[in-house]
Amino acid sequence: MYEVAFSGQIAEGADLDKVKANVAQMFKADDAKLAQLFSGKRVVIKKDIDKQTALKYQAALTKAGALCEVANLSATKPPVVEAAVTVPVEPKPAVTKVITNTPVEDIPPAPKTVPLDITGDQISDLSASLAPVGSDMQDAKAEIPEVQIDLTGMDMAPPGSDLVEHRDKPVPPLPDTSGLSIKDG
């Protein structure tokens, strides 16, 4: 299992305000969430996911200009950040460069998830979407014409009537069992 964490680090040469705007748009984050994400403290965005899903998050954040860590939680030793190199930049916070062998184009979209109150549809690279509130959940159905049944000749009994007609049938005679006997076994 893997986890994706973010410490507020951005790509080298990226504008911090633009990266914040991209991350805010990606996660639909308010100012409080942005402050938490860019506080410099390590914030786990998603954990207990497979490697492919972790790489999808990494690709989406990298495209936004934010650098994240992908850590393997399955290892017996403490989680190790895969392929991370820290490059200090004087006027900006420390930058982590994450290198992956998987091209961004080959990474399929991630499934819908809920990290930090963020769903997959809130990350444009994940190709997920939600219908607006109040939308119909089902496509319109074709109208089926009403069936016309001819009820002429049918009648209803008055209230309190028996629904079964009792006919006076003679009771059938009992069968003749005189030729039957019981044998001991």
N, C-alpha and C. Protein backbone atom coordinates (compact mmCIF):
# COMPACT_ATOMS: atom_id res chain seq x y z
N MET A 1 0.84 -1.18 0.00
CA MET A 1 0.00 0.00 0.00
C MET A 1 0.89 1.24 0.00
N TYR A 2 0.36 2.32 -0.57
CA TYR A 2 1.11 3.56 -0.71
C TYR A 2 0.31 4.72 -0.12
N GLU A 3 1.04 5.82 0.11
CA GLU A 3 0.38 7.05 0.52
C GLU A 3 0.98 8.21 -0.26
N VAL A 4 0.18 9.26 -0.43
CA VAL A 4 0.63 10.47 -1.10
C VAL A 4 0.59 11.58 -0.07
N ALA A 5 1.72 12.27 0.10
CA ALA A 5 1.81 13.35 1.08
C ALA A 5 2.34 14.61 0.41
N PHE A 6 1.98 15.76 0.94
CA PHE A 6 2.40 17.05 0.40
C PHE A 6 2.91 17.91 1.54
N SER A 7 4.04 18.59 1.31
CA SER A 7 4.65 19.42 2.35
C SER A 7 4.74 20.88 1.94
N GLY A 8 3.98 21.28 0.93
CA GLY A 8 4.00 22.68 0.51
C GLY A 8 5.11 23.00 -0.46
N GLN A 9 5.79 22.00 -0.98
CA GLN A 9 6.91 22.24 -1.88
C GLN A 9 6.40 22.36 -3.31
N ILE A 10 7.06 23.26 -4.08
CA ILE A 10 6.63 23.49 -5.46
C ILE A 10 7.78 23.22 -6.41
N ALA A 11 7.45 23.08 -7.68
CA ALA A 11 8.46 22.80 -8.70
C ALA A 11 9.40 23.99 -8.84
N GLU A 12 10.64 23.71 -9.23
CA GLU A 12 11.64 24.75 -9.40
C GLU A 12 11.20 25.72 -10.49
N GLY A 13 11.26 27.01 -10.17
CA GLY A 13 10.87 28.04 -11.12
C GLY A 13 9.38 28.32 -11.15
N ALA A 14 8.58 27.57 -10.40
CA ALA A 14 7.13 27.79 -10.39
C ALA A 14 6.77 28.95 -9.48
N ASP A 15 5.72 29.66 -9.83
CA ASP A 15 5.23 30.78 -9.04
C ASP A 15 4.34 30.25 -7.92
N LEU A 16 4.68 30.56 -6.67
CA LEU A 16 3.96 30.02 -5.51
C LEU A 16 2.47 30.37 -5.56
N ASP A 17 2.13 31.61 -5.91
CA ASP A 17 0.73 32.01 -5.96
C ASP A 17 -0.04 31.22 -7.03
N LYS A 18 0.59 30.98 -8.17
CA LYS A 18 -0.06 30.23 -9.24
C LYS A 18 -0.24 28.76 -8.83
N VAL A 19 0.78 28.18 -8.16
CA VAL A 19 0.67 26.80 -7.69
C VAL A 19 -0.46 26.69 -6.66
N LYS A 20 -0.52 27.65 -5.75
CA LYS A 20 -1.60 27.65 -4.75
C LYS A 20 -2.96 27.72 -5.43
N ALA A 21 -3.07 28.56 -6.45
CA ALA A 21 -4.34 28.68 -7.19
C ALA A 21 -4.68 27.36 -7.88
N ASN A 22 -3.67 26.72 -8.48
CA ASN A 22 -3.90 25.43 -9.15
C ASN A 22 -4.36 24.37 -8.15
N VAL A 23 -3.68 24.31 -7.00
CA VAL A 23 -4.03 23.31 -5.98
C VAL A 23 -5.42 23.61 -5.41
N ALA A 24 -5.71 24.88 -5.20
CA ALA A 24 -7.04 25.27 -4.69
C ALA A 24 -8.13 24.85 -5.67
N GLN A 25 -7.87 25.06 -6.96
CA GLN A 25 -8.86 24.67 -7.98
C GLN A 25 -8.97 23.15 -8.05
N MET A 26 -7.84 22.45 -8.00
CA MET A 26 -7.83 20.99 -8.10
C MET A 26 -8.60 20.34 -6.97
N PHE A 27 -8.38 20.81 -5.74
CA PHE A 27 -9.01 20.20 -4.57
C PHE A 27 -10.23 20.99 -4.08
N LYS A 28 -10.58 22.08 -4.78
CA LYS A 28 -11.66 22.97 -4.34
C LYS A 28 -11.44 23.33 -2.87
N ALA A 29 -10.21 23.72 -2.58
CA ALA A 29 -9.81 24.01 -1.20
C ALA A 29 -10.04 25.48 -0.87
N ASP A 30 -10.51 25.74 0.34
CA ASP A 30 -10.67 27.11 0.81
C ASP A 30 -9.33 27.59 1.38
N ASP A 31 -9.31 28.82 1.89
CA ASP A 31 -8.07 29.41 2.40
C ASP A 31 -7.50 28.60 3.56
N ALA A 32 -8.38 28.05 4.42
CA ALA A 32 -7.91 27.28 5.58
C ALA A 32 -7.21 26.00 5.12
N LYS A 33 -7.79 25.32 4.16
CA LYS A 33 -7.17 24.09 3.65
C LYS A 33 -5.85 24.40 2.94
N LEU A 34 -5.83 25.50 2.17
CA LEU A 34 -4.58 25.89 1.49
C LEU A 34 -3.50 26.21 2.52
N ALA A 35 -3.87 26.89 3.58
CA ALA A 35 -2.89 27.22 4.62
C ALA A 35 -2.35 25.93 5.23
N GLN A 36 -3.23 24.94 5.44
CA GLN A 36 -2.79 23.66 5.99
C GLN A 36 -1.86 22.94 5.01
N LEU A 37 -2.23 22.92 3.72
CA LEU A 37 -1.42 22.22 2.72
C LEU A 37 -0.06 22.88 2.51
N PHE A 38 0.00 24.22 2.56
CA PHE A 38 1.24 24.93 2.30
C PHE A 38 1.92 25.41 3.59
N SER A 39 1.63 24.74 4.70
CA SER A 39 2.22 25.14 5.98
C SER A 39 3.67 24.68 6.13
N GLY A 40 4.12 23.80 5.25
CA GLY A 40 5.47 23.25 5.37
C GLY A 40 5.48 21.94 6.13
N LYS A 41 4.37 21.63 6.78
CA LYS A 41 4.24 20.35 7.49
C LYS A 41 3.77 19.29 6.50
N ARG A 42 4.15 18.08 6.75
CA ARG A 42 3.77 16.96 5.88
C ARG A 42 2.28 16.64 6.11
N VAL A 43 1.49 16.73 5.04
CA VAL A 43 0.05 16.44 5.09
C VAL A 43 -0.22 15.25 4.17
N VAL A 44 -0.79 14.20 4.72
CA VAL A 44 -1.13 13.02 3.91
C VAL A 44 -2.41 13.34 3.15
N ILE A 45 -2.32 13.28 1.83
CA ILE A 45 -3.47 13.57 0.98
C ILE A 45 -4.31 12.31 0.81
N LYS A 46 -3.65 11.17 0.60
CA LYS A 46 -4.36 9.90 0.41
C LYS A 46 -3.44 8.79 0.88
N LYS A 47 -4.00 7.81 1.62
CA LYS A 47 -3.18 6.69 2.07
C LYS A 47 -3.91 5.38 1.80
N ASP A 48 -3.20 4.28 1.95
CA ASP A 48 -3.71 2.93 1.72
C ASP A 48 -4.28 2.78 0.31
N ILE A 49 -3.50 3.23 -0.67
CA ILE A 49 -3.90 3.10 -2.07
C ILE A 49 -2.83 2.31 -2.81
N ASP A 50 -3.16 1.80 -3.99
CA ASP A 50 -2.17 1.05 -4.77
C ASP A 50 -1.20 2.03 -5.44
N LYS A 51 -0.11 1.48 -5.95
CA LYS A 51 0.95 2.31 -6.51
C LYS A 51 0.45 3.12 -7.71
N GLN A 52 -0.37 2.49 -8.55
CA GLN A 52 -0.87 3.16 -9.74
C GLN A 52 -1.71 4.39 -9.37
N THR A 53 -2.57 4.26 -8.37
CA THR A 53 -3.38 5.40 -7.92
C THR A 53 -2.50 6.48 -7.32
N ALA A 54 -1.49 6.08 -6.57
CA ALA A 54 -0.56 7.06 -5.99
C ALA A 54 0.15 7.84 -7.09
N LEU A 55 0.53 7.16 -8.15
CA LEU A 55 1.20 7.83 -9.27
C LEU A 55 0.25 8.78 -10.00
N LYS A 56 -1.02 8.48 -10.00
CA LYS A 56 -2.01 9.38 -10.62
C LYS A 56 -2.10 10.68 -9.83
N TYR A 57 -2.13 10.55 -8.50
CA TYR A 57 -2.14 11.76 -7.67
C TYR A 57 -0.86 12.56 -7.89
N GLN A 58 0.25 11.87 -7.93
CA GLN A 58 1.54 12.52 -8.13
C GLN A 58 1.55 13.29 -9.45
N ALA A 59 1.05 12.67 -10.51
CA ALA A 59 1.03 13.31 -11.83
C ALA A 59 0.14 14.55 -11.81
N ALA A 60 -1.02 14.47 -11.17
CA ALA A 60 -1.94 15.60 -11.10
C ALA A 60 -1.31 16.76 -10.34
N LEU A 61 -0.68 16.47 -9.21
CA LEU A 61 -0.05 17.53 -8.42
C LEU A 61 1.16 18.13 -9.16
N THR A 62 1.94 17.28 -9.82
CA THR A 62 3.10 17.76 -10.57
C THR A 62 2.65 18.70 -11.68
N LYS A 63 1.56 18.35 -12.36
CA LYS A 63 1.03 19.19 -13.43
C LYS A 63 0.60 20.55 -12.88
N ALA A 64 0.13 20.56 -11.63
CA ALA A 64 -0.29 21.82 -10.99
C ALA A 64 0.90 22.62 -10.47
N GLY A 65 2.10 22.02 -10.50
CA GLY A 65 3.30 22.71 -10.02
C GLY A 65 3.66 22.37 -8.59
N ALA A 66 2.90 21.49 -7.96
CA ALA A 66 3.16 21.09 -6.57
C ALA A 66 3.87 19.75 -6.57
N LEU A 67 4.84 19.59 -5.70
CA LEU A 67 5.59 18.34 -5.61
C LEU A 67 5.16 17.57 -4.37
N CYS A 68 4.91 16.29 -4.56
CA CYS A 68 4.44 15.48 -3.45
C CYS A 68 5.36 14.28 -3.26
N GLU A 69 5.13 13.58 -2.17
CA GLU A 69 5.88 12.38 -1.86
C GLU A 69 4.97 11.17 -2.05
N VAL A 70 5.53 10.12 -2.62
CA VAL A 70 4.81 8.85 -2.72
C VAL A 70 5.59 7.88 -1.85
N ALA A 71 4.95 7.39 -0.78
CA ALA A 71 5.64 6.52 0.17
C ALA A 71 5.01 5.13 0.15
N ASN A 72 5.87 4.11 0.23
CA ASN A 72 5.43 2.71 0.26
C ASN A 72 5.15 2.34 1.72
N LEU A 73 3.87 2.06 2.04
CA LEU A 73 3.50 1.71 3.40
C LEU A 73 3.64 0.22 3.67
N SER A 74 3.83 -0.58 2.63
CA SER A 74 3.92 -2.04 2.76
C SER A 74 5.29 -2.50 3.23
N ALA A 75 6.26 -1.64 3.15
CA ALA A 75 7.62 -2.01 3.55
C ALA A 75 7.67 -2.28 5.05
N THR A 76 8.54 -3.22 5.49
CA THR A 76 8.65 -3.56 6.91
C THR A 76 9.35 -2.45 7.68
N LYS A 77 10.18 -1.66 7.03
CA LYS A 77 10.83 -0.54 7.68
C LYS A 77 9.96 0.71 7.52
N PRO A 78 10.30 1.82 8.15
CA PRO A 78 9.50 3.04 8.03
C PRO A 78 9.34 3.44 6.57
N PRO A 79 8.23 4.13 6.23
CA PRO A 79 8.00 4.52 4.84
C PRO A 79 9.17 5.29 4.26
N VAL A 80 9.52 4.97 3.04
CA VAL A 80 10.62 5.63 2.34
C VAL A 80 10.04 6.36 1.15
N VAL A 81 10.44 7.60 0.98
CA VAL A 81 9.98 8.37 -0.16
C VAL A 81 10.70 7.85 -1.39
N GLU A 82 9.92 7.53 -2.42
CA GLU A 82 10.51 6.98 -3.64
C GLU A 82 11.02 8.10 -4.53
N ALA A 83 12.24 8.02 -4.95
CA ALA A 83 12.85 8.89 -5.95
C ALA A 83 12.66 10.37 -5.65
N ALA A 84 12.96 10.81 -4.45
CA ALA A 84 12.81 12.22 -4.10
C ALA A 84 14.19 12.85 -3.89
N VAL A 85 14.38 14.02 -4.45
CA VAL A 85 15.62 14.76 -4.30
C VAL A 85 15.25 16.17 -3.86
N THR A 86 15.85 16.67 -2.77
CA THR A 86 15.54 18.00 -2.28
C THR A 86 16.53 19.00 -2.86
N VAL A 87 15.98 20.06 -3.46
CA VAL A 87 16.81 21.10 -4.06
C VAL A 87 16.42 22.43 -3.41
N PRO A 88 17.32 23.04 -2.59
CA PRO A 88 16.96 24.30 -1.94
C PRO A 88 16.96 25.46 -2.93
N VAL A 89 16.02 26.38 -2.78
CA VAL A 89 15.94 27.59 -3.58
C VAL A 89 15.81 28.72 -2.58
N GLU A 90 16.70 29.73 -2.67
CA GLU A 90 16.79 30.74 -1.63
C GLU A 90 15.53 31.58 -1.43
N PRO A 91 14.96 32.23 -2.45
CA PRO A 91 13.80 33.07 -2.15
C PRO A 91 12.51 32.29 -1.95
N LYS A 92 12.51 31.02 -2.30
CA LYS A 92 11.31 30.20 -2.20
C LYS A 92 11.54 29.08 -1.20
N PRO A 93 10.46 28.40 -0.74
CA PRO A 93 10.64 27.27 0.16
C PRO A 93 11.38 26.13 -0.54
N ALA A 94 11.88 25.15 0.24
CA ALA A 94 12.62 24.03 -0.33
C ALA A 94 11.77 23.33 -1.38
N VAL A 95 12.43 22.86 -2.44
CA VAL A 95 11.73 22.22 -3.56
C VAL A 95 12.14 20.75 -3.59
N THR A 96 11.15 19.90 -3.69
CA THR A 96 11.42 18.47 -3.84
C THR A 96 11.11 18.09 -5.27
N LYS A 97 12.03 17.46 -5.91
CA LYS A 97 11.83 17.03 -7.28
C LYS A 97 11.55 15.53 -7.23
N VAL A 98 10.39 15.12 -7.71
CA VAL A 98 10.02 13.72 -7.71
C VAL A 98 10.20 13.19 -9.13
N ILE A 99 10.96 12.12 -9.24
CA ILE A 99 11.24 11.53 -10.54
C ILE A 99 10.54 10.18 -10.62
N THR A 100 9.84 9.95 -11.70
CA THR A 100 9.15 8.67 -11.89
C THR A 100 9.44 8.14 -13.28
N ASN A 101 9.45 6.83 -13.42
CA ASN A 101 9.71 6.21 -14.72
C ASN A 101 8.46 6.14 -15.59
N THR A 102 7.31 6.42 -15.03
CA THR A 102 6.05 6.31 -15.76
C THR A 102 5.72 7.66 -16.39
N PRO A 103 5.61 7.75 -17.72
CA PRO A 103 5.24 9.03 -18.34
C PRO A 103 3.84 9.44 -17.89
N VAL A 104 3.62 10.74 -17.74
CA VAL A 104 2.34 11.25 -17.26
C VAL A 104 1.21 10.84 -18.21
N GLU A 105 1.48 10.79 -19.53
CA GLU A 105 0.43 10.45 -20.50
C GLU A 105 -0.06 9.01 -20.33
N ASP A 106 0.79 8.10 -19.82
CA ASP A 106 0.43 6.69 -19.71
C ASP A 106 -0.31 6.35 -18.42
N ILE A 107 -0.50 7.33 -17.55
CA ILE A 107 -1.16 7.06 -16.27
C ILE A 107 -2.66 7.24 -16.46
N PRO A 108 -3.45 6.16 -16.26
CA PRO A 108 -4.91 6.29 -16.41
C PRO A 108 -5.50 7.11 -15.27
N PRO A 109 -6.74 7.60 -15.44
CA PRO A 109 -7.35 8.41 -14.39
C PRO A 109 -7.59 7.61 -13.11
N ALA A 110 -7.52 8.29 -11.98
CA ALA A 110 -7.70 7.64 -10.68
C ALA A 110 -9.18 7.47 -10.38
N PRO A 111 -9.52 6.49 -9.54
CA PRO A 111 -10.92 6.33 -9.14
C PRO A 111 -11.32 7.42 -8.16
N LYS A 112 -12.61 7.55 -7.95
CA LYS A 112 -13.12 8.55 -7.02
C LYS A 112 -12.63 8.23 -5.61
N THR A 113 -12.10 9.24 -4.91
CA THR A 113 -11.56 9.05 -3.56
C THR A 113 -12.00 10.21 -2.68
N VAL A 114 -11.76 10.10 -1.39
CA VAL A 114 -12.15 11.17 -0.47
C VAL A 114 -11.01 11.50 0.50
N PRO A 115 -9.88 12.06 0.01
CA PRO A 115 -8.83 12.51 0.93
C PRO A 115 -9.05 13.98 1.29
N LEU A 116 -8.91 14.32 2.55
CA LEU A 116 -9.06 15.71 3.01
C LEU A 116 -10.35 16.34 2.50
N ASP A 117 -11.44 15.58 2.49
CA ASP A 117 -12.72 16.05 1.95
C ASP A 117 -12.60 16.40 0.47
N ILE A 118 -11.73 15.71 -0.24
CA ILE A 118 -11.52 15.96 -1.67
C ILE A 118 -11.98 14.71 -2.40
N THR A 119 -12.79 14.87 -3.41
CA THR A 119 -13.23 13.72 -4.20
C THR A 119 -12.51 13.73 -5.54
N GLY A 120 -12.48 12.58 -6.18
CA GLY A 120 -11.77 12.44 -7.45
C GLY A 120 -12.26 13.41 -8.51
N ASP A 121 -13.54 13.77 -8.48
CA ASP A 121 -14.06 14.70 -9.48
C ASP A 121 -13.50 16.10 -9.31
N GLN A 122 -12.88 16.38 -8.17
CA GLN A 122 -12.33 17.71 -7.93
C GLN A 122 -10.92 17.85 -8.49
N ILE A 123 -10.35 16.77 -9.00
CA ILE A 123 -9.04 16.81 -9.63
C ILE A 123 -9.28 16.56 -11.11
N SER A 124 -9.05 17.58 -11.93
CA SER A 124 -9.42 17.49 -13.34
C SER A 124 -8.72 16.34 -14.06
N ASP A 125 -7.51 15.99 -13.67
CA ASP A 125 -6.79 14.90 -14.34
C ASP A 125 -7.35 13.54 -14.02
N LEU A 126 -8.24 13.42 -13.05
CA LEU A 126 -8.78 12.12 -12.67
C LEU A 126 -10.00 11.74 -13.50
N SER A 127 -10.47 12.62 -14.36
CA SER A 127 -11.58 12.35 -15.28
C SER A 127 -12.82 11.84 -14.59
N ALA A 128 -13.18 12.38 -13.47
CA ALA A 128 -14.40 12.01 -12.78
C ALA A 128 -15.26 13.27 -12.67
N SER A 129 -16.57 13.08 -12.64
CA SER A 129 -17.43 14.24 -12.52
C SER A 129 -18.69 13.89 -11.74
N LEU A 130 -19.34 14.92 -11.22
CA LEU A 130 -20.59 14.76 -10.50
C LEU A 130 -21.63 15.64 -11.17
N ALA A 131 -22.87 15.17 -11.15
CA ALA A 131 -23.96 15.98 -11.66
C ALA A 131 -24.26 17.07 -10.64
N PRO A 132 -24.79 18.20 -11.09
CA PRO A 132 -25.14 19.28 -10.14
C PRO A 132 -26.21 18.81 -9.17
N VAL A 133 -26.27 19.46 -8.01
CA VAL A 133 -27.26 19.13 -7.00
C VAL A 133 -28.65 19.30 -7.60
N GLY A 134 -29.52 18.32 -7.38
CA GLY A 134 -30.88 18.37 -7.89
C GLY A 134 -31.06 17.75 -9.26
N SER A 135 -29.98 17.26 -9.85
CA SER A 135 -30.09 16.63 -11.17
C SER A 135 -30.77 15.29 -11.08
N ASP A 136 -31.41 14.90 -12.18
CA ASP A 136 -32.01 13.57 -12.25
C ASP A 136 -30.90 12.54 -12.30
N MET A 137 -31.07 11.45 -11.57
CA MET A 137 -30.05 10.41 -11.52
C MET A 137 -30.22 9.38 -12.64
N GLN A 138 -31.31 9.51 -13.40
CA GLN A 138 -31.60 8.53 -14.43
C GLN A 138 -31.99 9.27 -15.69
N ASP A 139 -31.62 8.72 -16.84
CA ASP A 139 -32.02 9.32 -18.10
C ASP A 139 -33.53 9.25 -18.22
N ALA A 140 -34.09 10.15 -19.02
CA ALA A 140 -35.54 10.18 -19.20
C ALA A 140 -36.01 8.88 -19.86
N LYS A 141 -37.14 8.39 -19.40
CA LYS A 141 -37.70 7.17 -19.96
C LYS A 141 -38.71 7.54 -21.03
N ALA A 142 -38.84 6.67 -22.03
CA ALA A 142 -39.84 6.88 -23.05
C ALA A 142 -41.22 6.60 -22.44
N GLU A 143 -42.18 7.42 -22.80
CA GLU A 143 -43.53 7.24 -22.29
C GLU A 143 -44.13 5.97 -22.90
N ILE A 144 -44.72 5.15 -22.07
CA ILE A 144 -45.38 3.92 -22.52
C ILE A 144 -46.87 4.21 -22.58
N PRO A 145 -47.51 3.96 -23.73
CA PRO A 145 -48.94 4.27 -23.83
C PRO A 145 -49.74 3.37 -22.89
N GLU A 146 -50.82 3.94 -22.36
CA GLU A 146 -51.68 3.21 -21.44
C GLU A 146 -52.39 2.09 -22.19
N VAL A 147 -52.45 0.92 -21.57
CA VAL A 147 -53.10 -0.23 -22.18
C VAL A 147 -54.61 -0.05 -22.06
N GLN A 148 -55.32 -0.21 -23.17
CA GLN A 148 -56.78 -0.08 -23.18
C GLN A 148 -57.39 -1.48 -23.10
N ILE A 149 -58.12 -1.76 -22.03
CA ILE A 149 -58.76 -3.06 -21.84
C ILE A 149 -60.27 -2.85 -21.92
N ASP A 150 -60.93 -3.67 -22.71
CA ASP A 150 -62.38 -3.58 -22.87
C ASP A 150 -63.04 -4.26 -21.67
N LEU A 151 -63.70 -3.51 -20.82
CA LEU A 151 -64.34 -4.02 -19.62
C LEU A 151 -65.86 -4.13 -19.77
N THR A 152 -66.35 -3.93 -20.98
CA THR A 152 -67.79 -4.06 -21.17
C THR A 152 -68.17 -5.52 -20.93
N GLY A 153 -69.29 -5.71 -20.32
CA GLY A 153 -69.73 -7.07 -20.01
C GLY A 153 -69.26 -7.54 -18.65
N MET A 154 -68.42 -6.76 -17.98
CA MET A 154 -67.99 -7.12 -16.63
C MET A 154 -68.80 -6.30 -15.64
N ASP A 155 -69.02 -6.86 -14.49
CA ASP A 155 -69.84 -6.20 -13.49
C ASP A 155 -69.21 -6.40 -12.12
N MET A 156 -69.55 -5.56 -11.18
CA MET A 156 -69.05 -5.70 -9.82
C MET A 156 -70.20 -6.10 -8.91
N ALA A 157 -69.91 -6.97 -7.97
CA ALA A 157 -70.92 -7.37 -6.99
C ALA A 157 -71.08 -6.25 -5.98
N PRO A 158 -72.27 -6.13 -5.40
CA PRO A 158 -72.47 -5.08 -4.40
C PRO A 158 -71.65 -5.37 -3.14
N PRO A 159 -71.34 -4.34 -2.34
CA PRO A 159 -70.56 -4.54 -1.12
C PRO A 159 -71.22 -5.56 -0.19
N GLY A 160 -70.41 -6.42 0.41
CA GLY A 160 -70.90 -7.43 1.34
C GLY A 160 -71.31 -8.73 0.67
N SER A 161 -71.21 -8.80 -0.64
CA SER A 161 -71.60 -10.02 -1.35
C SER A 161 -70.52 -11.07 -1.23
N ASP A 162 -70.91 -12.35 -1.33
CA ASP A 162 -69.94 -13.43 -1.41
C ASP A 162 -69.33 -13.41 -2.79
N LEU A 163 -68.04 -13.58 -2.84
CA LEU A 163 -67.37 -13.56 -4.13
C LEU A 163 -67.41 -14.93 -4.82
N VAL A 164 -67.76 -15.96 -4.08
CA VAL A 164 -67.83 -17.30 -4.65
C VAL A 164 -69.29 -17.73 -4.66
N GLU A 165 -69.73 -18.20 -5.77
CA GLU A 165 -71.10 -18.71 -5.85
C GLU A 165 -71.13 -20.12 -5.30
N HIS A 166 -72.06 -20.37 -4.39
CA HIS A 166 -72.22 -21.71 -3.84
C HIS A 166 -73.30 -22.42 -4.65
N ARG A 167 -72.93 -23.50 -5.21
CA ARG A 167 -73.91 -24.29 -5.97
C ARG A 167 -74.26 -25.52 -5.16
N ASP A 168 -75.49 -25.84 -5.20
CA ASP A 168 -75.91 -27.04 -4.47
C ASP A 168 -75.58 -28.25 -5.31
N LYS A 169 -74.43 -28.82 -5.01
CA LYS A 169 -74.00 -30.03 -5.71
C LYS A 169 -74.26 -31.20 -4.78
N PRO A 170 -74.67 -32.30 -5.33
CA PRO A 170 -74.84 -33.47 -4.46
C PRO A 170 -73.49 -33.96 -3.97
N VAL A 171 -73.45 -34.43 -2.73
CA VAL A 171 -72.23 -34.95 -2.15
C VAL A 171 -71.92 -36.26 -2.87
N PRO A 172 -70.69 -36.42 -3.38
CA PRO A 172 -70.39 -37.67 -4.08
C PRO A 172 -70.41 -38.85 -3.11
N PRO A 173 -70.76 -40.03 -3.60
CA PRO A 173 -70.81 -41.20 -2.72
C PRO A 173 -69.41 -41.58 -2.26
N LEU A 174 -69.32 -42.23 -1.09
CA LEU A 174 -68.04 -42.68 -0.58
C LEU A 174 -67.55 -43.83 -1.44
N PRO A 175 -66.24 -43.96 -1.60
CA PRO A 175 -65.73 -45.07 -2.42
C PRO A 175 -65.98 -46.42 -1.76
N ASP A 176 -66.15 -47.43 -2.56
CA ASP A 176 -66.38 -48.80 -2.05
C ASP A 176 -65.06 -49.41 -1.68
N THR A 177 -64.84 -49.66 -0.38
CA THR A 177 -63.59 -50.23 0.10
C THR A 177 -63.77 -51.68 0.55
N SER A 178 -64.88 -52.32 0.19
CA SER A 178 -65.16 -53.68 0.65
C SER A 178 -64.17 -54.70 0.12
N GLY A 179 -63.57 -54.48 -1.00
CA GLY A 179 -62.61 -55.44 -1.57
C GLY A 179 -61.19 -55.21 -1.08
N LEU A 180 -60.96 -54.28 -0.17
CA LEU A 180 -59.60 -53.99 0.32
C LEU A 180 -59.40 -54.65 1.68
N SER A 181 -58.18 -55.13 1.92
CA SER A 181 -57.85 -55.72 3.23
C SER A 181 -56.47 -55.25 3.64
N ILE A 182 -56.17 -55.36 4.94
CA ILE A 182 -54.87 -54.97 5.46
C ILE A 182 -54.12 -56.24 5.83
N LYS A 183 -52.93 -56.38 5.32
CA LYS A 183 -52.09 -57.56 5.62
C LYS A 183 -51.04 -57.17 6.62
N ASP A 184 -50.72 -58.08 7.52
CA ASP A 184 -49.60 -57.85 8.44
C ASP A 184 -48.33 -58.17 7.70
N GLY A 185 -47.32 -57.39 7.91
CA GLY A 185 -46.13 -57.45 7.19
C GLY A 185 -45.11 -58.39 7.32
